[in-house]
Amino acid sequence: MPRSKTSKAWLREHINDPWVQKAKAEGYRSRAAFKLKQIDAKDRLLKPGMAVVDLGATPGGWSQVAARVVGQGGKVVAVDLLEMEPLHGVAFIRGDFFQDATWQALETELAGRRADIVLSDMAPNLSGVSVADQARSVGLAELALDAAERLLAPGGSFLVKIFHGAGFEAYVKALRARFTQVVVRKPEASRGRSAETYLLARGFRGGSGTNQA
């Protein structure tokens, strides 16, 4: 099936993207790795020995960055509905993070630990209808927050992608009710025309943990 002009333009831009080229040169699985690296450089999120949960992790760029920082004394658990090729230092769970089997697997991997940080770079499959895409983005961010509340240790951090638009301010308000600090980040590796924005919430006030629904 012939590619459309739009898909050809995307492919051409992707191939010529300097962050794509840099990811290949440095052995990262995706250009998204640099978004996390840039946020981490500014905010010093990741530290050796941390327990990290990466939601919607495939193809693994963020998990890869996290694993390199937390080291052997830390733990990185990646979760996605899609398969992910194995990564050194990363435990991968394929499944929906709101299904019981997935939570049981998460509990097993964390072995009684709470996460120091929960990451979510999830984004909806874009329909081209901005209102619908925005609603889906907020919906995914809300699901990620629900998961973070169950997983995080008190004082922990949550980094989530969300599109800037309807529902954004309400989501920020929800974060501020649960964390002591919330800041907006737009890393250099994020395409300028993209509506994607990252919210970094720190100082989790406490939650229910993985053993409760």
C-alpha atoms as a PDB file:
ATOM      1  CA  MET A   1       0.000   0.000   0.000  1.00  0.00           C
ATOM      2  CA  PRO A   2       1.539   3.358  -1.033  1.00  0.00           C
ATOM      3  CA  ARG A   3       2.380   5.798   1.735  1.00  0.00           C
ATOM      4  CA  SER A   4       0.370   9.011   1.935  1.00  0.00           C
ATOM      5  CA  LYS A   5       2.047  12.395   1.543  1.00  0.00           C
ATOM      6  CA  THR A   6       1.571  12.927   5.288  1.00  0.00           C
ATOM      7  CA  SER A   7       3.239   9.649   6.247  1.00  0.00           C
ATOM      8  CA  LYS A   8       6.099  10.290   3.812  1.00  0.00           C
ATOM      9  CA  ALA A   9       6.627  13.753   5.313  1.00  0.00           C
ATOM     10  CA  TRP A  10       6.642  12.275   8.834  1.00  0.00           C
ATOM     11  CA  LEU A  11       9.125   9.584   7.842  1.00  0.00           C
ATOM     12  CA  ARG A  12      11.419  12.130   6.210  1.00  0.00           C
ATOM     13  CA  GLU A  13      11.273  14.394   9.276  1.00  0.00           C
ATOM     14  CA  HIS A  14      11.844  11.432  11.601  1.00  0.00           C
ATOM     15  CA  ILE A  15      14.918  10.232   9.714  1.00  0.00           C
ATOM     16  CA  ASN A  16      16.398  13.739   9.663  1.00  0.00           C
ATOM     17  CA  ASP A  17      15.506  14.484  13.291  1.00  0.00           C
ATOM     18  CA  PRO A  18      18.747  15.236  15.173  1.00  0.00           C
ATOM     19  CA  TRP A  19      17.394  13.594  18.331  1.00  0.00           C
ATOM     20  CA  VAL A  20      16.646  10.396  16.417  1.00  0.00           C
ATOM     21  CA  GLN A  21      20.185  10.435  15.072  1.00  0.00           C
ATOM     22  CA  LYS A  22      21.611  11.153  18.521  1.00  0.00           C
ATOM     23  CA  ALA A  23      19.582   8.297  20.033  1.00  0.00           C
ATOM     24  CA  LYS A  24      21.017   5.884  17.480  1.00  0.00           C
ATOM     25  CA  ALA A  25      24.538   7.156  18.058  1.00  0.00           C
ATOM     26  CA  GLU A  26      24.289   6.773  21.843  1.00  0.00           C
ATOM     27  CA  GLY A  27      22.460   3.449  21.826  1.00  0.00           C
ATOM     28  CA  TYR A  28      19.057   4.621  23.035  1.00  0.00           C
ATOM     29  CA  ARG A  29      15.902   3.015  21.750  1.00  0.00           C
ATOM     30  CA  SER A  30      14.041   6.225  21.045  1.00  0.00           C
ATOM     31  CA  ARG A  31      14.451   9.989  20.851  1.00  0.00           C
ATOM     32  CA  ALA A  32      12.165  10.147  23.910  1.00  0.00           C
ATOM     33  CA  ALA A  33      15.137   9.100  26.040  1.00  0.00           C
ATOM     34  CA  PHE A  34      16.497  12.634  25.723  1.00  0.00           C
ATOM     35  CA  LYS A  35      13.286  14.146  27.061  1.00  0.00           C
ATOM     36  CA  LEU A  36      13.787  12.280  30.319  1.00  0.00           C
ATOM     37  CA  LYS A  37      17.518  12.950  30.341  1.00  0.00           C
ATOM     38  CA  GLN A  38      16.924  16.688  29.930  1.00  0.00           C
ATOM     39  CA  ILE A  39      14.278  16.823  32.651  1.00  0.00           C
ATOM     40  CA  ASP A  40      16.512  14.769  34.931  1.00  0.00           C
ATOM     41  CA  ALA A  41      19.476  17.063  34.283  1.00  0.00           C
ATOM     42  CA  LYS A  42      17.384  20.026  35.409  1.00  0.00           C
ATOM     43  CA  ASP A  43      15.508  18.462  38.309  1.00  0.00           C
ATOM     44  CA  ARG A  44      17.797  15.625  39.453  1.00  0.00           C
ATOM     45  CA  LEU A  45      14.995  13.087  39.605  1.00  0.00           C
ATOM     46  CA  LEU A  46      16.858   9.815  39.235  1.00  0.00           C
ATOM     47  CA  LYS A  47      19.410   8.565  41.745  1.00  0.00           C
ATOM     48  CA  PRO A  48      21.309   5.324  42.314  1.00  0.00           C
ATOM     49  CA  GLY A  49      19.304   2.718  44.219  1.00  0.00           C
ATOM     50  CA  MET A  50      15.856   4.079  43.363  1.00  0.00           C
ATOM     51  CA  ALA A  51      12.799   1.981  42.565  1.00  0.00           C
ATOM     52  CA  VAL A  52      11.244   3.239  39.309  1.00  0.00           C
ATOM     53  CA  VAL A  53       8.010   2.232  37.569  1.00  0.00           C
ATOM     54  CA  ASP A  54       7.671   3.218  33.904  1.00  0.00           C
ATOM     55  CA  LEU A  55       4.074   3.099  32.617  1.00  0.00           C
ATOM     56  CA  GLY A  56       3.532   2.703  28.878  1.00  0.00           C
ATOM     57  CA  ALA A  57       7.228   1.980  28.536  1.00  0.00           C
ATOM     58  CA  THR A  58       7.596   0.469  25.051  1.00  0.00           C
ATOM     59  CA  PRO A  59       9.972   0.753  23.188  1.00  0.00           C
ATOM     60  CA  GLY A  60      11.934   1.412  26.371  1.00  0.00           C
ATOM     61  CA  GLY A  61      13.771   4.714  25.997  1.00  0.00           C
ATOM     62  CA  TRP A  62      12.779   6.021  29.425  1.00  0.00           C
ATOM     63  CA  SER A  63      13.375   2.675  31.147  1.00  0.00           C
ATOM     64  CA  GLN A  64      16.801   2.572  29.535  1.00  0.00           C
ATOM     65  CA  VAL A  65      17.718   5.994  30.932  1.00  0.00           C
ATOM     66  CA  ALA A  66      16.390   5.103  34.374  1.00  0.00           C
ATOM     67  CA  ALA A  67      18.223   1.776  34.523  1.00  0.00           C
ATOM     68  CA  ARG A  68      21.546   3.416  33.659  1.00  0.00           C
ATOM     69  CA  VAL A  69      21.149   5.817  36.585  1.00  0.00           C
ATOM     70  CA  VAL A  70      19.664   3.652  39.357  1.00  0.00           C
ATOM     71  CA  GLY A  71      22.202   0.905  38.745  1.00  0.00           C
ATOM     72  CA  GLN A  72      22.314  -2.585  40.212  1.00  0.00           C
ATOM     73  CA  GLY A  73      21.132  -1.389  43.607  1.00  0.00           C
ATOM     74  CA  GLY A  74      17.973   0.053  42.096  1.00  0.00           C
ATOM     75  CA  LYS A  75      14.936  -1.412  40.398  1.00  0.00           C
ATOM     76  CA  VAL A  76      13.215  -0.450  37.139  1.00  0.00           C
ATOM     77  CA  VAL A  77       9.872  -2.052  36.307  1.00  0.00           C
ATOM     78  CA  ALA A  78       8.411  -1.283  32.870  1.00  0.00           C
ATOM     79  CA  VAL A  79       4.754  -1.907  32.017  1.00  0.00           C
ATOM     80  CA  ASP A  80       3.064  -1.797  28.608  1.00  0.00           C
ATOM     81  CA  LEU A  81       0.266  -3.416  26.645  1.00  0.00           C
ATOM     82  CA  LEU A  82       2.726  -3.875  23.782  1.00  0.00           C
ATOM     83  CA  GLU A  83       5.724  -6.175  23.795  1.00  0.00           C
ATOM     84  CA  MET A  84       9.127  -4.699  24.576  1.00  0.00           C
ATOM     85  CA  GLU A  85      12.496  -6.150  23.680  1.00  0.00           C
ATOM     86  CA  PRO A  86      14.482  -7.082  26.821  1.00  0.00           C
ATOM     87  CA  LEU A  87      16.599  -4.362  28.405  1.00  0.00           C
ATOM     88  CA  HIS A  88      19.482  -4.887  30.790  1.00  0.00           C
ATOM     89  CA  GLY A  89      18.455  -3.891  34.302  1.00  0.00           C
ATOM     90  CA  VAL A  90      14.741  -3.598  33.476  1.00  0.00           C
ATOM     91  CA  ALA A  91      11.955  -5.984  34.513  1.00  0.00           C
ATOM     92  CA  PHE A  92       9.197  -5.867  31.905  1.00  0.00           C
ATOM     93  CA  ILE A  93       5.539  -6.698  32.485  1.00  0.00           C
ATOM     94  CA  ARG A  94       3.255  -6.934  29.496  1.00  0.00           C
ATOM     95  CA  GLY A  95      -0.285  -6.058  30.496  1.00  0.00           C
ATOM     96  CA  ASP A  96      -2.837  -3.444  31.494  1.00  0.00           C
ATOM     97  CA  PHE A  97      -1.702  -1.850  34.733  1.00  0.00           C
ATOM     98  CA  PHE A  98      -5.280  -1.908  36.051  1.00  0.00           C
ATOM     99  CA  GLN A  99      -5.722  -5.647  35.709  1.00  0.00           C
ATOM    100  CA  ASP A 100      -5.194  -7.809  38.781  1.00  0.00           C
ATOM    101  CA  ALA A 101      -2.602 -10.008  37.088  1.00  0.00           C
ATOM    102  CA  THR A 102      -0.494  -6.973  36.208  1.00  0.00           C
ATOM    103  CA  TRP A 103      -0.663  -5.620  39.748  1.00  0.00           C
ATOM    104  CA  GLN A 104       0.334  -8.992  41.134  1.00  0.00           C
ATOM    105  CA  ALA A 105       3.323  -9.014  38.801  1.00  0.00           C
ATOM    106  CA  LEU A 106       4.212  -5.473  39.889  1.00  0.00           C
ATOM    107  CA  GLU A 107       4.032  -6.477  43.552  1.00  0.00           C
ATOM    108  CA  THR A 108       6.296  -9.433  42.853  1.00  0.00           C
ATOM    109  CA  GLU A 109       8.874  -7.317  41.034  1.00  0.00           C
ATOM    110  CA  LEU A 110       8.878  -4.563  43.662  1.00  0.00           C
ATOM    111  CA  ALA A 111       9.162  -7.176  46.438  1.00  0.00           C
ATOM    112  CA  GLY A 112       7.539  -5.023  49.091  1.00  0.00           C
ATOM    113  CA  ARG A 113       9.129  -1.750  48.007  1.00  0.00           C
ATOM    114  CA  ARG A 114       7.214   1.363  47.075  1.00  0.00           C
ATOM    115  CA  ALA A 115       8.294   3.254  43.999  1.00  0.00           C
ATOM    116  CA  ASP A 116      10.456   6.336  44.472  1.00  0.00           C
ATOM    117  CA  ILE A 117       9.256   7.652  41.113  1.00  0.00           C
ATOM    118  CA  VAL A 118       6.543   6.749  38.613  1.00  0.00           C
ATOM    119  CA  LEU A 119       7.064   7.752  34.983  1.00  0.00           C
ATOM    120  CA  SER A 120       4.429   8.006  32.261  1.00  0.00           C
ATOM    121  CA  ASP A 121       5.250   9.041  28.711  1.00  0.00           C
ATOM    122  CA  MET A 122       1.971   7.599  27.443  1.00  0.00           C
ATOM    123  CA  ALA A 123       0.165   9.333  24.598  1.00  0.00           C
ATOM    124  CA  PRO A 124      -3.007   8.436  22.704  1.00  0.00           C
ATOM    125  CA  ASN A 125      -3.051   7.267  19.117  1.00  0.00           C
ATOM    126  CA  LEU A 126      -3.764  10.576  17.414  1.00  0.00           C
ATOM    127  CA  SER A 127      -6.976  10.867  15.443  1.00  0.00           C
ATOM    128  CA  GLY A 128      -6.326  14.354  14.109  1.00  0.00           C
ATOM    129  CA  VAL A 129      -9.425  15.612  15.938  1.00  0.00           C
ATOM    130  CA  SER A 130      -7.905  17.915  18.560  1.00  0.00           C
ATOM    131  CA  VAL A 131     -10.817  17.775  21.010  1.00  0.00           C
ATOM    132  CA  ALA A 132     -10.835  13.972  21.001  1.00  0.00           C
ATOM    133  CA  ASP A 133      -7.042  13.710  21.200  1.00  0.00           C
ATOM    134  CA  GLN A 134      -6.956  16.132  24.118  1.00  0.00           C
ATOM    135  CA  ALA A 135      -9.611  14.170  26.001  1.00  0.00           C
ATOM    136  CA  ARG A 136      -7.690  10.927  25.454  1.00  0.00           C
ATOM    137  CA  SER A 137      -4.456  12.513  26.647  1.00  0.00           C
ATOM    138  CA  VAL A 138      -6.073  13.716  29.865  1.00  0.00           C
ATOM    139  CA  GLY A 139      -7.701  10.311  30.334  1.00  0.00           C
ATOM    140  CA  LEU A 140      -4.341   8.545  30.103  1.00  0.00           C
ATOM    141  CA  ALA A 141      -2.779  11.037  32.518  1.00  0.00           C
ATOM    142  CA  GLU A 142      -5.598  10.394  34.995  1.00  0.00           C
ATOM    143  CA  LEU A 143      -5.038   6.643  34.773  1.00  0.00           C
ATOM    144  CA  ALA A 144      -1.323   7.167  35.333  1.00  0.00           C
ATOM    145  CA  LEU A 145      -2.042   9.302  38.406  1.00  0.00           C
ATOM    146  CA  ASP A 146      -4.320   6.610  39.829  1.00  0.00           C
ATOM    147  CA  ALA A 147      -1.501   4.106  39.382  1.00  0.00           C
ATOM    148  CA  ALA A 148       1.062   6.455  40.902  1.00  0.00           C
ATOM    149  CA  GLU A 149      -1.074   6.894  44.025  1.00  0.00           C
ATOM    150  CA  ARG A 150      -1.040   3.132  44.512  1.00  0.00           C
ATOM    151  CA  LEU A 151       2.654   2.698  43.811  1.00  0.00           C
ATOM    152  CA  LEU A 152       4.517   5.682  45.264  1.00  0.00           C
ATOM    153  CA  ALA A 153       6.267   5.912  48.588  1.00  0.00           C
ATOM    154  CA  PRO A 154       5.472   9.039  50.635  1.00  0.00           C
ATOM    155  CA  GLY A 155       7.681  11.827  49.333  1.00  0.00           C
ATOM    156  CA  GLY A 156       7.955  10.165  45.916  1.00  0.00           C
ATOM    157  CA  SER A 157       7.792  11.808  42.493  1.00  0.00           C
ATOM    158  CA  PHE A 158       5.589  11.478  39.405  1.00  0.00           C
ATOM    159  CA  LEU A 159       6.483  12.588  35.879  1.00  0.00           C
ATOM    160  CA  VAL A 160       3.654  12.480  33.353  1.00  0.00           C
ATOM    161  CA  LYS A 161       3.019  13.587  29.787  1.00  0.00           C
ATOM    162  CA  ILE A 162      -0.199  15.432  29.039  1.00  0.00           C
ATOM    163  CA  PHE A 163      -1.356  17.600  26.141  1.00  0.00           C
ATOM    164  CA  HIS A 164      -1.861  21.258  26.987  1.00  0.00           C
ATOM    165  CA  GLY A 165      -5.509  22.158  26.474  1.00  0.00           C
ATOM    166  CA  ALA A 166      -8.929  21.433  27.964  1.00  0.00           C
ATOM    167  CA  GLY A 167      -8.641  19.620  31.273  1.00  0.00           C
ATOM    168  CA  PHE A 168      -5.000  20.604  31.809  1.00  0.00           C
ATOM    169  CA  GLU A 169      -5.580  23.065  34.657  1.00  0.00           C
ATOM    170  CA  ALA A 170      -7.958  20.695  36.442  1.00  0.00           C
ATOM    171  CA  TYR A 171      -5.317  17.983  36.231  1.00  0.00           C
ATOM    172  CA  VAL A 172      -2.664  20.296  37.664  1.00  0.00           C
ATOM    173  CA  LYS A 173      -5.043  21.081  40.523  1.00  0.00           C
ATOM    174  CA  ALA A 174      -5.471  17.359  41.192  1.00  0.00           C
ATOM    175  CA  LEU A 175      -1.697  16.928  41.311  1.00  0.00           C
ATOM    176  CA  ARG A 176      -1.294  19.823  43.732  1.00  0.00           C
ATOM    177  CA  ALA A 177      -3.767  18.155  46.090  1.00  0.00           C
ATOM    178  CA  ARG A 178      -1.559  15.061  46.218  1.00  0.00           C
ATOM    179  CA  PHE A 179       1.980  16.449  45.950  1.00  0.00           C
ATOM    180  CA  THR A 180       3.827  19.311  47.617  1.00  0.00           C
ATOM    181  CA  GLN A 181       5.303  20.684  44.372  1.00  0.00           C
ATOM    182  CA  VAL A 182       4.136  20.638  40.755  1.00  0.00           C
ATOM    183  CA  VAL A 183       6.100  22.166  37.863  1.00  0.00           C
ATOM    184  CA  VAL A 184       5.707  22.232  34.082  1.00  0.00           C
ATOM    185  CA  ARG A 185       8.519  21.037  31.852  1.00  0.00           C
ATOM    186  CA  LYS A 186       8.978  21.219  28.061  1.00  0.00           C
ATOM    187  CA  PRO A 187      12.327  19.572  27.281  1.00  0.00           C
ATOM    188  CA  GLU A 188      14.324  20.616  24.243  1.00  0.00           C
ATOM    189  CA  ALA A 189      13.868  17.182  22.672  1.00  0.00           C
ATOM    190  CA  SER A 190      10.097  17.672  22.633  1.00  0.00           C
ATOM    191  CA  ARG A 191       9.032  18.959  19.227  1.00  0.00           C
ATOM    192  CA  GLY A 192       8.136  22.637  19.444  1.00  0.00           C
ATOM    193  CA  ARG A 193       4.852  22.306  17.564  1.00  0.00           C
ATOM    194  CA  SER A 194       3.706  19.399  19.744  1.00  0.00           C
ATOM    195  CA  ALA A 195       1.030  20.018  22.376  1.00  0.00           C
ATOM    196  CA  GLU A 196       2.801  17.597  24.700  1.00  0.00           C
ATOM    197  CA  THR A 197       3.827  18.954  28.058  1.00  0.00           C
ATOM    198  CA  TYR A 198       5.364  17.230  31.052  1.00  0.00           C
ATOM    199  CA  LEU A 199       4.204  17.736  34.605  1.00  0.00           C
ATOM    200  CA  LEU A 200       6.617  16.909  37.386  1.00  0.00           C
ATOM    201  CA  ALA A 201       5.015  16.373  40.777  1.00  0.00           C
ATOM    202  CA  ARG A 202       7.240  15.887  43.824  1.00  0.00           C
ATOM    203  CA  GLY A 203       6.652  15.195  47.498  1.00  0.00           C
ATOM    204  CA  PHE A 204       3.829  12.662  47.357  1.00  0.00           C
ATOM    205  CA  ARG A 205       1.631  13.097  50.412  1.00  0.00           C
ATOM    206  CA  GLY A 206       0.930   9.383  50.814  1.00  0.00           C
ATOM    207  CA  GLY A 207      -1.382   6.813  49.310  1.00  0.00           C
ATOM    208  CA  SER A 208      -2.853   3.371  49.455  1.00  0.00           C
ATOM    209  CA  GLY A 209      -0.001   1.322  47.974  1.00  0.00           C
ATOM    210  CA  THR A 210      -0.118  -1.626  45.572  1.00  0.00           C
ATOM    211  CA  ASN A 211      -1.945  -3.978  47.891  1.00  0.00           C
ATOM    212  CA  GLN A 212      -5.268  -2.174  47.632  1.00  0.00           C
ATOM    213  CA  ALA A 213      -7.696  -1.643  44.787  1.00  0.00           C
END
